[in-house]
C-alpha atoms as a PDB file:
ATOM      1  CA  MET A   1      59.505  -6.153  -0.542  1.00  0.00           C
ATOM      2  CA  PRO A   2      55.774  -5.421  -0.554  1.00  0.00           C
ATOM      3  CA  GLU A   3      53.554  -8.443  -1.113  1.00  0.00           C
ATOM      4  CA  LEU A   4      50.228  -8.726  -2.926  1.00  0.00           C
ATOM      5  CA  PRO A   5      48.084  -7.233  -0.119  1.00  0.00           C
ATOM      6  CA  GLU A   6      50.407  -4.233   0.255  1.00  0.00           C
ATOM      7  CA  VAL A   7      50.397  -3.517  -3.481  1.00  0.00           C
ATOM      8  CA  GLU A   8      46.626  -4.014  -3.620  1.00  0.00           C
ATOM      9  CA  THR A   9      46.293  -1.491  -0.781  1.00  0.00           C
ATOM     10  CA  ILE A  10      48.312   0.990  -2.846  1.00  0.00           C
ATOM     11  CA  ARG A  11      46.202   0.277  -5.934  1.00  0.00           C
ATOM     12  CA  THR A  12      42.976   0.830  -4.003  1.00  0.00           C
ATOM     13  CA  GLY A  13      44.211   4.119  -2.584  1.00  0.00           C
ATOM     14  CA  LEU A  14      45.447   5.435  -5.925  1.00  0.00           C
ATOM     15  CA  GLN A  15      42.270   4.344  -7.684  1.00  0.00           C
ATOM     16  CA  LYS A  16      40.315   6.589  -5.320  1.00  0.00           C
ATOM     17  CA  LEU A  17      42.593   9.574  -5.914  1.00  0.00           C
ATOM     18  CA  LEU A  18      44.083   9.578  -9.420  1.00  0.00           C
ATOM     19  CA  PRO A  19      41.481   8.872 -12.151  1.00  0.00           C
ATOM     20  CA  GLY A  20      40.484  12.036 -13.984  1.00  0.00           C
ATOM     21  CA  ARG A  21      43.621  13.965 -13.031  1.00  0.00           C
ATOM     22  CA  GLN A  22      45.691  15.384 -15.867  1.00  0.00           C
ATOM     23  CA  ILE A  23      49.476  15.161 -15.782  1.00  0.00           C
ATOM     24  CA  ALA A  24      51.043  18.596 -16.255  1.00  0.00           C
ATOM     25  CA  SER A  25      54.743  17.730 -15.969  1.00  0.00           C
ATOM     26  CA  VAL A  26      57.186  15.023 -14.948  1.00  0.00           C
ATOM     27  CA  LEU A  27      60.443  15.642 -13.088  1.00  0.00           C
ATOM     28  CA  ARG A  28      63.061  12.899 -13.266  1.00  0.00           C
ATOM     29  CA  ILE A  29      65.446  13.399 -10.353  1.00  0.00           C
ATOM     30  CA  TRP A  30      67.053   9.969 -10.870  1.00  0.00           C
ATOM     31  CA  GLN A  31      67.022   9.135 -14.567  1.00  0.00           C
ATOM     32  CA  LYS A  32      67.100   5.355 -14.157  1.00  0.00           C
ATOM     33  CA  SER A  33      63.929   5.343 -12.066  1.00  0.00           C
ATOM     34  CA  LEU A  34      61.847   6.173 -15.145  1.00  0.00           C
ATOM     35  CA  LEU A  35      62.926   3.829 -17.926  1.00  0.00           C
ATOM     36  CA  SER A  36      61.445   5.690 -20.885  1.00  0.00           C
ATOM     37  CA  SER A  37      62.700   8.192 -23.419  1.00  0.00           C
ATOM     38  CA  GLN A  38      62.039  11.875 -22.875  1.00  0.00           C
ATOM     39  CA  GLN A  39      60.197  11.865 -26.204  1.00  0.00           C
ATOM     40  CA  ASP A  40      57.723   9.259 -24.924  1.00  0.00           C
ATOM     41  CA  VAL A  41      57.347  11.063 -21.593  1.00  0.00           C
ATOM     42  CA  ASP A  42      56.581  14.348 -23.367  1.00  0.00           C
ATOM     43  CA  GLY A  43      54.296  12.743 -25.925  1.00  0.00           C
ATOM     44  CA  PHE A  44      52.319  10.180 -23.949  1.00  0.00           C
ATOM     45  CA  LEU A  45      52.666  10.965 -20.223  1.00  0.00           C
ATOM     46  CA  CYS A  46      52.633  14.763 -20.018  1.00  0.00           C
ATOM     47  CA  GLY A  47      49.163  16.017 -20.887  1.00  0.00           C
ATOM     48  CA  ALA A  48      47.544  12.624 -20.381  1.00  0.00           C
ATOM     49  CA  CYS A  49      44.627  11.985 -18.033  1.00  0.00           C
ATOM     50  CA  ILE A  50      44.671   8.992 -15.732  1.00  0.00           C
ATOM     51  CA  THR A  51      41.856   6.564 -16.536  1.00  0.00           C
ATOM     52  CA  GLY A  52      42.458   3.874 -13.919  1.00  0.00           C
ATOM     53  CA  VAL A  53      44.882   2.003 -11.671  1.00  0.00           C
ATOM     54  CA  ARG A  54      45.360  -1.779 -11.913  1.00  0.00           C
ATOM     55  CA  ARG A  55      47.608  -4.383 -10.310  1.00  0.00           C
ATOM     56  CA  ARG A  56      49.251  -7.531 -11.667  1.00  0.00           C
ATOM     57  CA  ALA A  57      51.155  -9.566  -9.091  1.00  0.00           C
ATOM     58  CA  LYS A  58      53.297  -6.994  -7.220  1.00  0.00           C
ATOM     59  CA  VAL A  59      53.287  -4.469 -10.082  1.00  0.00           C
ATOM     60  CA  LEU A  60      51.101  -1.373 -10.408  1.00  0.00           C
ATOM     61  CA  LEU A  61      49.651  -0.245 -13.734  1.00  0.00           C
ATOM     62  CA  ILE A  62      48.446   3.340 -14.187  1.00  0.00           C
ATOM     63  CA  ASP A  63      46.416   3.572 -17.404  1.00  0.00           C
ATOM     64  CA  LEU A  64      46.389   6.803 -19.396  1.00  0.00           C
ATOM     65  CA  SER A  65      44.065   8.479 -21.894  1.00  0.00           C
ATOM     66  CA  THR A  66      46.866   8.252 -24.496  1.00  0.00           C
ATOM     67  CA  ASN A  67      46.483   4.432 -24.525  1.00  0.00           C
ATOM     68  CA  TYR A  68      49.785   4.157 -22.689  1.00  0.00           C
ATOM     69  CA  THR A  69      50.333   2.637 -19.263  1.00  0.00           C
ATOM     70  CA  LEU A  70      52.810   3.640 -16.569  1.00  0.00           C
ATOM     71  CA  VAL A  71      54.156   0.372 -15.131  1.00  0.00           C
ATOM     72  CA  ILE A  72      55.562   0.673 -11.590  1.00  0.00           C
ATOM     73  CA  HIS A  73      57.535  -1.874  -9.578  1.00  0.00           C
ATOM     74  CA  LEU A  74      58.379  -0.693  -6.053  1.00  0.00           C
ATOM     75  CA  LYS A  75      60.927  -3.461  -5.435  1.00  0.00           C
ATOM     76  CA  MET A  76      62.368  -3.354  -1.893  1.00  0.00           C
ATOM     77  CA  THR A  77      62.213   0.297  -0.834  1.00  0.00           C
ATOM     78  CA  GLY A  78      59.792   2.030  -3.211  1.00  0.00           C
ATOM     79  CA  GLN A  79      56.997   4.340  -2.115  1.00  0.00           C
ATOM     80  CA  LEU A  80      54.197   6.214  -3.841  1.00  0.00           C
ATOM     81  CA  VAL A  81      53.018   9.341  -2.065  1.00  0.00           C
ATOM     82  CA  PHE A  82      50.154  11.516  -3.297  1.00  0.00           C
ATOM     83  CA  ARG A  83      49.792  15.057  -1.968  1.00  0.00           C
ATOM     84  CA  SER A  84      47.202  17.749  -2.640  1.00  0.00           C
ATOM     85  CA  ASP A  85      45.867  20.626  -0.564  1.00  0.00           C
ATOM     86  CA  ALA A  86      42.931  18.507   0.563  1.00  0.00           C
ATOM     87  CA  GLN A  87      44.211  14.925   0.483  1.00  0.00           C
ATOM     88  CA  GLN A  88      47.299  12.851   1.092  1.00  0.00           C
ATOM     89  CA  PHE A  89      48.184   9.223   0.629  1.00  0.00           C
ATOM     90  CA  GLY A  90      51.400   7.363   1.308  1.00  0.00           C
ATOM     91  CA  ALA A  91      52.152   3.694   0.884  1.00  0.00           C
ATOM     92  CA  GLY A  92      55.117   1.419   0.391  1.00  0.00           C
ATOM     93  CA  HIS A  93      58.379   0.958   2.253  1.00  0.00           C
ATOM     94  CA  PRO A  94      57.960   2.158   5.864  1.00  0.00           C
ATOM     95  CA  THR A  95      60.064   5.303   6.242  1.00  0.00           C
ATOM     96  CA  ALA A  96      59.324   8.845   7.349  1.00  0.00           C
ATOM     97  CA  SER A  97      59.108   9.930   3.697  1.00  0.00           C
ATOM     98  CA  LEU A  98      55.513   8.671   3.679  1.00  0.00           C
ATOM     99  CA  ILE A  99      54.511  11.481   6.019  1.00  0.00           C
ATOM    100  CA  GLY A 100      57.389  13.996   5.743  1.00  0.00           C
ATOM    101  CA  ASP A 101      58.013  16.972   3.469  1.00  0.00           C
ATOM    102  CA  LEU A 102      58.553  16.072  -0.186  1.00  0.00           C
ATOM    103  CA  PRO A 103      60.521  15.934  -2.347  1.00  0.00           C
ATOM    104  CA  ASP A 104      63.287  14.639  -0.093  1.00  0.00           C
ATOM    105  CA  ARG A 105      66.573  12.839  -0.736  1.00  0.00           C
ATOM    106  CA  SER A 106      64.767   9.568  -1.534  1.00  0.00           C
ATOM    107  CA  THR A 107      62.515  11.132  -4.197  1.00  0.00           C
ATOM    108  CA  ARG A 108      63.328   9.866  -7.715  1.00  0.00           C
ATOM    109  CA  VAL A 109      60.369  11.013  -9.843  1.00  0.00           C
ATOM    110  CA  VAL A 110      57.720  13.702  -9.317  1.00  0.00           C
ATOM    111  CA  ILE A 111      54.507  13.683 -11.371  1.00  0.00           C
ATOM    112  CA  LYS A 112      52.723  17.037 -11.137  1.00  0.00           C
ATOM    113  CA  PHE A 113      49.037  17.270 -12.023  1.00  0.00           C
ATOM    114  CA  SER A 114      47.212  20.241 -13.526  1.00  0.00           C
ATOM    115  CA  ASP A 115      45.464  20.940 -10.199  1.00  0.00           C
ATOM    116  CA  ASN A 116      48.888  21.314  -8.471  1.00  0.00           C
ATOM    117  CA  SER A 117      48.660  17.954  -6.695  1.00  0.00           C
ATOM    118  CA  ASN A 118      51.696  15.670  -6.942  1.00  0.00           C
ATOM    119  CA  LEU A 119      52.572  11.978  -7.020  1.00  0.00           C
ATOM    120  CA  PHE A 120      56.060  11.282  -5.615  1.00  0.00           C
ATOM    121  CA  PHE A 121      57.974   8.100  -6.382  1.00  0.00           C
ATOM    122  CA  ASN A 122      60.491   7.626  -3.552  1.00  0.00           C
ATOM    123  CA  ASP A 123      63.050   4.828  -3.474  1.00  0.00           C
ATOM    124  CA  GLN A 124      65.967   4.769  -1.036  1.00  0.00           C
ATOM    125  CA  ARG A 125      67.923   1.959  -2.711  1.00  0.00           C
ATOM    126  CA  LYS A 126      67.016   2.823  -6.323  1.00  0.00           C
ATOM    127  CA  PHE A 127      65.947  -0.717  -7.257  1.00  0.00           C
ATOM    128  CA  GLY A 128      62.366   0.246  -8.116  1.00  0.00           C
ATOM    129  CA  TRP A 129      61.358   1.489 -11.533  1.00  0.00           C
ATOM    130  CA  MET A 130      58.709   3.114 -13.676  1.00  0.00           C
ATOM    131  CA  ARG A 131      58.264   2.384 -17.367  1.00  0.00           C
ATOM    132  CA  LEU A 132      55.894   3.948 -19.902  1.00  0.00           C
ATOM    133  CA  LEU A 133      54.545   1.552 -22.531  1.00  0.00           C
ATOM    134  CA  PRO A 134      51.648   1.297 -24.975  1.00  0.00           C
ATOM    135  CA  THR A 135      48.928  -0.464 -23.002  1.00  0.00           C
ATOM    136  CA  THR A 136      48.747  -3.269 -25.567  1.00  0.00           C
ATOM    137  CA  GLU A 137      52.460  -4.016 -25.075  1.00  0.00           C
ATOM    138  CA  VAL A 138      52.457  -4.317 -21.286  1.00  0.00           C
ATOM    139  CA  GLN A 139      51.601  -8.010 -21.434  1.00  0.00           C
ATOM    140  CA  ASN A 140      54.752  -8.604 -23.498  1.00  0.00           C
ATOM    141  CA  LEU A 141      57.142  -7.532 -20.742  1.00  0.00           C
ATOM    142  CA  ASP A 142      59.308 -10.482 -19.664  1.00  0.00           C
ATOM    143  CA  PHE A 143      57.993 -10.156 -16.118  1.00  0.00           C
ATOM    144  CA  PHE A 144      54.367 -10.529 -17.178  1.00  0.00           C
ATOM    145  CA  LYS A 145      55.088 -13.415 -19.525  1.00  0.00           C
ATOM    146  CA  LYS A 146      56.717 -15.362 -16.677  1.00  0.00           C
ATOM    147  CA  VAL A 147      54.576 -14.482 -13.651  1.00  0.00           C
ATOM    148  CA  GLY A 148      52.037 -17.010 -12.411  1.00  0.00           C
ATOM    149  CA  PRO A 149      48.276 -16.537 -12.051  1.00  0.00           C
ATOM    150  CA  GLU A 150      46.618 -14.307  -9.481  1.00  0.00           C
ATOM    151  CA  PRO A 151      45.816 -16.394  -6.377  1.00  0.00           C
ATOM    152  CA  LEU A 152      42.569 -14.499  -5.754  1.00  0.00           C
ATOM    153  CA  ALA A 153      41.285 -14.553  -9.333  1.00  0.00           C
ATOM    154  CA  ALA A 154      37.749 -15.913  -9.616  1.00  0.00           C
ATOM    155  CA  ASP A 155      38.801 -18.465 -12.217  1.00  0.00           C
ATOM    156  CA  PHE A 156      41.820 -19.734 -10.238  1.00  0.00           C
ATOM    157  CA  LEU A 157      40.666 -22.948  -8.583  1.00  0.00           C
ATOM    158  CA  ALA A 158      42.143 -25.360  -6.049  1.00  0.00           C
ATOM    159  CA  LYS A 159      42.953 -27.847  -8.809  1.00  0.00           C
ATOM    160  CA  ASP A 160      44.868 -25.159 -10.710  1.00  0.00           C
ATOM    161  CA  PHE A 161      46.816 -24.259  -7.576  1.00  0.00           C
ATOM    162  CA  ALA A 162      47.731 -27.893  -6.922  1.00  0.00           C
ATOM    163  CA  SER A 163      48.752 -28.438 -10.529  1.00  0.00           C
ATOM    164  CA  ARG A 164      51.066 -25.436 -10.530  1.00  0.00           C
ATOM    165  CA  LEU A 165      52.722 -26.384  -7.238  1.00  0.00           C
ATOM    166  CA  GLN A 166      53.266 -29.926  -8.481  1.00  0.00           C
ATOM    167  CA  ARG A 167      55.420 -28.599 -11.321  1.00  0.00           C
ATOM    168  CA  ARG A 168      58.089 -28.299  -8.628  1.00  0.00           C
ATOM    169  CA  ALA A 169      57.150 -31.492  -6.819  1.00  0.00           C
ATOM    170  CA  LYS A 170      60.612 -32.148  -5.342  1.00  0.00           C
ATOM    171  CA  SER A 171      60.972 -28.646  -3.867  1.00  0.00           C
ATOM    172  CA  GLY A 172      60.007 -27.489  -0.399  1.00  0.00           C
ATOM    173  CA  THR A 173      56.520 -26.050  -0.228  1.00  0.00           C
ATOM    174  CA  LYS A 174      57.565 -22.609   1.008  1.00  0.00           C
ATOM    175  CA  ALA A 175      60.139 -22.229  -1.767  1.00  0.00           C
ATOM    176  CA  VAL A 176      57.427 -23.017  -4.312  1.00  0.00           C
ATOM    177  CA  LEU A 177      54.969 -20.539  -2.776  1.00  0.00           C
ATOM    178  CA  LEU A 178      57.638 -17.819  -3.027  1.00  0.00           C
ATOM    179  CA  ASP A 179      58.274 -18.605  -6.706  1.00  0.00           C
ATOM    180  CA  GLN A 180      56.436 -15.849  -8.581  1.00  0.00           C
ATOM    181  CA  THR A 181      56.329 -17.959 -11.757  1.00  0.00           C
ATOM    182  CA  VAL A 182      54.181 -20.516  -9.919  1.00  0.00           C
ATOM    183  CA  VAL A 183      51.664 -18.180  -8.253  1.00  0.00           C
ATOM    184  CA  ALA A 184      51.848 -14.390  -8.204  1.00  0.00           C
ATOM    185  CA  GLY A 185      52.207 -12.108  -5.221  1.00  0.00           C
ATOM    186  CA  ILE A 186      52.949 -14.410  -2.261  1.00  0.00           C
ATOM    187  CA  GLY A 187      55.944 -13.322  -0.195  1.00  0.00           C
ATOM    188  CA  ASN A 188      57.554 -14.331   3.071  1.00  0.00           C
ATOM    189  CA  ILE A 189      54.942 -13.105   5.523  1.00  0.00           C
ATOM    190  CA  TYR A 190      51.916 -14.582   3.792  1.00  0.00           C
ATOM    191  CA  ALA A 191      53.706 -17.845   2.994  1.00  0.00           C
ATOM    192  CA  ASP A 192      54.450 -18.367   6.702  1.00  0.00           C
ATOM    193  CA  GLU A 193      50.899 -17.541   7.720  1.00  0.00           C
ATOM    194  CA  SER A 194      49.364 -19.771   5.026  1.00  0.00           C
ATOM    195  CA  LEU A 195      51.571 -22.741   5.882  1.00  0.00           C
ATOM    196  CA  TRP A 196      50.727 -22.410   9.565  1.00  0.00           C
ATOM    197  CA  ALA A 197      47.002 -22.258   8.776  1.00  0.00           C
ATOM    198  CA  ALA A 198      47.290 -25.398   6.617  1.00  0.00           C
ATOM    199  CA  GLU A 199      49.494 -27.165   9.218  1.00  0.00           C
ATOM    200  CA  ILE A 200      52.304 -27.755   6.712  1.00  0.00           C
ATOM    201  CA  HIS A 201      56.013 -27.566   7.539  1.00  0.00           C
ATOM    202  CA  PRO A 202      57.602 -25.140   5.031  1.00  0.00           C
ATOM    203  CA  SER A 203      60.351 -27.652   4.148  1.00  0.00           C
ATOM    204  CA  THR A 204      57.913 -30.450   3.283  1.00  0.00           C
ATOM    205  CA  ARG A 205      58.285 -31.331  -0.385  1.00  0.00           C
ATOM    206  CA  VAL A 206      55.253 -30.694  -2.553  1.00  0.00           C
ATOM    207  CA  GLN A 207      55.270 -34.338  -3.664  1.00  0.00           C
ATOM    208  CA  ASN A 208      54.606 -35.387  -0.068  1.00  0.00           C
ATOM    209  CA  LEU A 209      51.402 -33.356   0.208  1.00  0.00           C
ATOM    210  CA  SER A 210      48.091 -35.111  -0.405  1.00  0.00           C
ATOM    211  CA  GLN A 211      45.404 -33.543  -2.572  1.00  0.00           C
ATOM    212  CA  PRO A 212      43.296 -32.668   0.503  1.00  0.00           C
ATOM    213  CA  LYS A 213      46.369 -31.015   2.045  1.00  0.00           C
ATOM    214  CA  LEU A 214      47.006 -29.008  -1.122  1.00  0.00           C
ATOM    215  CA  LYS A 215      43.385 -27.895  -1.133  1.00  0.00           C
ATOM    216  CA  LYS A 216      43.707 -26.854   2.511  1.00  0.00           C
ATOM    217  CA  LEU A 217      46.781 -24.797   1.603  1.00  0.00           C
ATOM    218  CA  PHE A 218      44.922 -23.173  -1.302  1.00  0.00           C
ATOM    219  CA  VAL A 219      42.099 -22.108   1.016  1.00  0.00           C
ATOM    220  CA  ALA A 220      44.640 -20.841   3.564  1.00  0.00           C
ATOM    221  CA  VAL A 221      46.515 -18.763   0.964  1.00  0.00           C
ATOM    222  CA  GLN A 222      43.310 -17.113  -0.200  1.00  0.00           C
ATOM    223  CA  ASP A 223      42.071 -16.469   3.339  1.00  0.00           C
ATOM    224  CA  VAL A 224      45.376 -14.983   4.500  1.00  0.00           C
ATOM    225  CA  LEU A 225      45.714 -12.743   1.443  1.00  0.00           C
ATOM    226  CA  ARG A 226      42.148 -11.508   1.783  1.00  0.00           C
ATOM    227  CA  GLN A 227      42.717 -10.756   5.454  1.00  0.00           C
ATOM    228  CA  GLY A 228      45.921  -8.919   4.560  1.00  0.00           C
ATOM    229  CA  ILE A 229      44.049  -6.759   2.049  1.00  0.00           C
ATOM    230  CA  ALA A 230      41.237  -6.091   4.523  1.00  0.00           C
ATOM    231  CA  LYS A 231      43.759  -4.992   7.141  1.00  0.00           C
ATOM    232  CA  GLY A 232      45.610  -2.690   4.757  1.00  0.00           C
ATOM    233  CA  GLY A 233      48.768  -4.758   4.448  1.00  0.00           C
ATOM    234  CA  SER A 234      51.373  -6.056   6.844  1.00  0.00           C
ATOM    235  CA  THR A 235      53.744  -3.175   7.466  1.00  0.00           C
ATOM    236  CA  ASP A 236      53.534  -1.965  11.032  1.00  0.00           C
ATOM    237  CA  ARG A 237      55.455   1.312  10.697  1.00  0.00           C
ATOM    238  CA  ASN A 238      54.346   4.338   8.659  1.00  0.00           C
ATOM    239  CA  TYR A 239      52.307   2.367   6.172  1.00  0.00           C
ATOM    240  CA  VAL A 240      49.571   4.880   5.430  1.00  0.00           C
ATOM    241  CA  ASP A 241      46.603   4.092   3.207  1.00  0.00           C
ATOM    242  CA  SER A 242      44.331   6.566   1.435  1.00  0.00           C
ATOM    243  CA  GLU A 243      42.488   7.377   4.662  1.00  0.00           C
ATOM    244  CA  GLY A 244      45.700   7.831   6.633  1.00  0.00           C
ATOM    245  CA  ASN A 245      45.419   4.410   8.303  1.00  0.00           C
ATOM    246  CA  LYS A 246      48.462   2.243   8.939  1.00  0.00           C
ATOM    247  CA  GLY A 247      48.486  -1.375   7.819  1.00  0.00           C
ATOM    248  CA  SER A 248      47.448  -3.639  10.681  1.00  0.00           C
ATOM    249  CA  PHE A 249      47.801  -7.243   9.480  1.00  0.00           C
ATOM    250  CA  LEU A 250      50.747  -8.049  11.736  1.00  0.00           C
ATOM    251  CA  GLU A 251      48.544  -7.383  14.758  1.00  0.00           C
ATOM    252  CA  PHE A 252      46.578 -10.458  13.689  1.00  0.00           C
ATOM    253  CA  ALA A 253      49.448 -12.662  12.465  1.00  0.00           C
ATOM    254  CA  LYS A 254      49.533 -16.114  14.018  1.00  0.00           C
ATOM    255  CA  VAL A 255      53.230 -16.983  13.593  1.00  0.00           C
ATOM    256  CA  PHE A 256      55.125 -14.255  11.731  1.00  0.00           C
ATOM    257  CA  ARG A 257      57.370 -12.314  14.145  1.00  0.00           C
ATOM    258  CA  ARG A 258      55.895 -14.299  17.044  1.00  0.00           C
ATOM    259  CA  GLU A 259      58.912 -16.467  17.845  1.00  0.00           C
ATOM    260  CA  GLY A 260      59.068 -17.267  21.560  1.00  0.00           C
ATOM    261  CA  LEU A 261      55.300 -16.839  21.948  1.00  0.00           C
ATOM    262  CA  PRO A 262      52.748 -19.655  22.230  1.00  0.00           C
ATOM    263  CA  CYS A 263      51.071 -21.011  19.111  1.00  0.00           C
ATOM    264  CA  PRO A 264      47.448 -19.756  19.068  1.00  0.00           C
ATOM    265  CA  ARG A 265      46.293 -23.261  18.128  1.00  0.00           C
ATOM    266  CA  CYS A 266      48.208 -25.628  20.434  1.00  0.00           C
ATOM    267  CA  GLY A 267      50.270 -23.482  22.811  1.00  0.00           C
ATOM    268  CA  THR A 268      53.685 -24.769  21.651  1.00  0.00           C
ATOM    269  CA  ILE A 269      56.349 -22.061  21.492  1.00  0.00           C
ATOM    270  CA  ILE A 270      56.755 -20.673  17.980  1.00  0.00           C
ATOM    271  CA  GLN A 271      60.226 -20.995  16.488  1.00  0.00           C
ATOM    272  CA  LYS A 272      62.085 -19.005  13.862  1.00  0.00           C
ATOM    273  CA  ILE A 273      64.118 -21.144  11.446  1.00  0.00           C
ATOM    274  CA  ARG A 274      65.613 -20.621   8.002  1.00  0.00           C
ATOM    275  CA  VAL A 275      63.902 -22.133   4.958  1.00  0.00           C
ATOM    276  CA  ALA A 276      64.385 -21.284   1.285  1.00  0.00           C
ATOM    277  CA  GLY A 277      66.944 -18.670   2.341  1.00  0.00           C
ATOM    278  CA  ARG A 278      64.361 -16.751   4.369  1.00  0.00           C
ATOM    279  CA  GLY A 279      63.607 -16.331   8.035  1.00  0.00           C
ATOM    280  CA  THR A 280      60.626 -18.610   8.642  1.00  0.00           C
ATOM    281  CA  HIS A 281      58.194 -18.872  11.542  1.00  0.00           C
ATOM    282  CA  ILE A 282      56.617 -22.194  12.491  1.00  0.00           C
ATOM    283  CA  CYS A 283      54.877 -24.099  15.232  1.00  0.00           C
ATOM    284  CA  PRO A 284      57.016 -27.249  15.636  1.00  0.00           C
ATOM    285  CA  GLN A 285      54.015 -29.198  16.935  1.00  0.00           C
ATOM    286  CA  CYS A 286      51.380 -28.184  14.353  1.00  0.00           C
ATOM    287  CA  GLN A 287      53.770 -28.163  11.393  1.00  0.00           C
ATOM    288  CA  LYS A 288      55.725 -31.406  11.369  1.00  0.00           C
ATOM    289  CA  GLU A 289      57.833 -32.052   8.281  1.00  0.00           C
ATOM    290  CA  LEU A 290      56.619 -34.901   6.062  1.00  0.00           C
ATOM    291  CA  LYS A 291      59.426 -36.985   4.518  1.00  0.00           C
END
């Protein structure tokens, strides 16, 4: 599933390409991928101009001139691919659909613009979804009422981060980082990288972390996420941003997918273990579990 930097990369690319374009028609190839009535689609999506593209956690929000918003969750295998005569953009799950002819067998929804450009929503496993809502009602979706704060928000401070993690004081630190109700947008890759940077074993309970250690983790989370955004995300296969560049973060990862290689900090061989039900990469020397 894409993490915050991947979704932010998509948002940035779409924000460069979509605002000002008018939607001419919408083709629903798989009905359940667009969870809105045909009446709402005809009345508030078709004919609307796109005014902007936002992100909240791992969800994209395309705002419309009709005061409606198209909410998009890519889930595990979703893609958004923009095509015009002069430009193309593809981002999301790494398959050949990002760069191949469209629509293809993974295409679920096609949004056609008045200038004959298209936005394709592809989703192999059909878990992703789009939903059209009045902009004022988006915040009332169950997902948005439950999701935690943005880790890179200017008003989200180290003390706020520590306080939220300590709500699950008896849980392992990685499990808490992955909990989207605690902090938004952190997934497996960035949790591993952040914990390595902070020298914290992923199984260490939050209650065993000192305040200085929690602050170090907060700084690590922000640094790793910012680096992920700067590098265009973590996917290393067919992840194409608005300039046609593939995401490159994994080229700079310190532990993720580096099992059997030396730790960049101490030289100990990196191990892959299982924590919180996920494959987890650690340096056994730098990240000793506190009990």
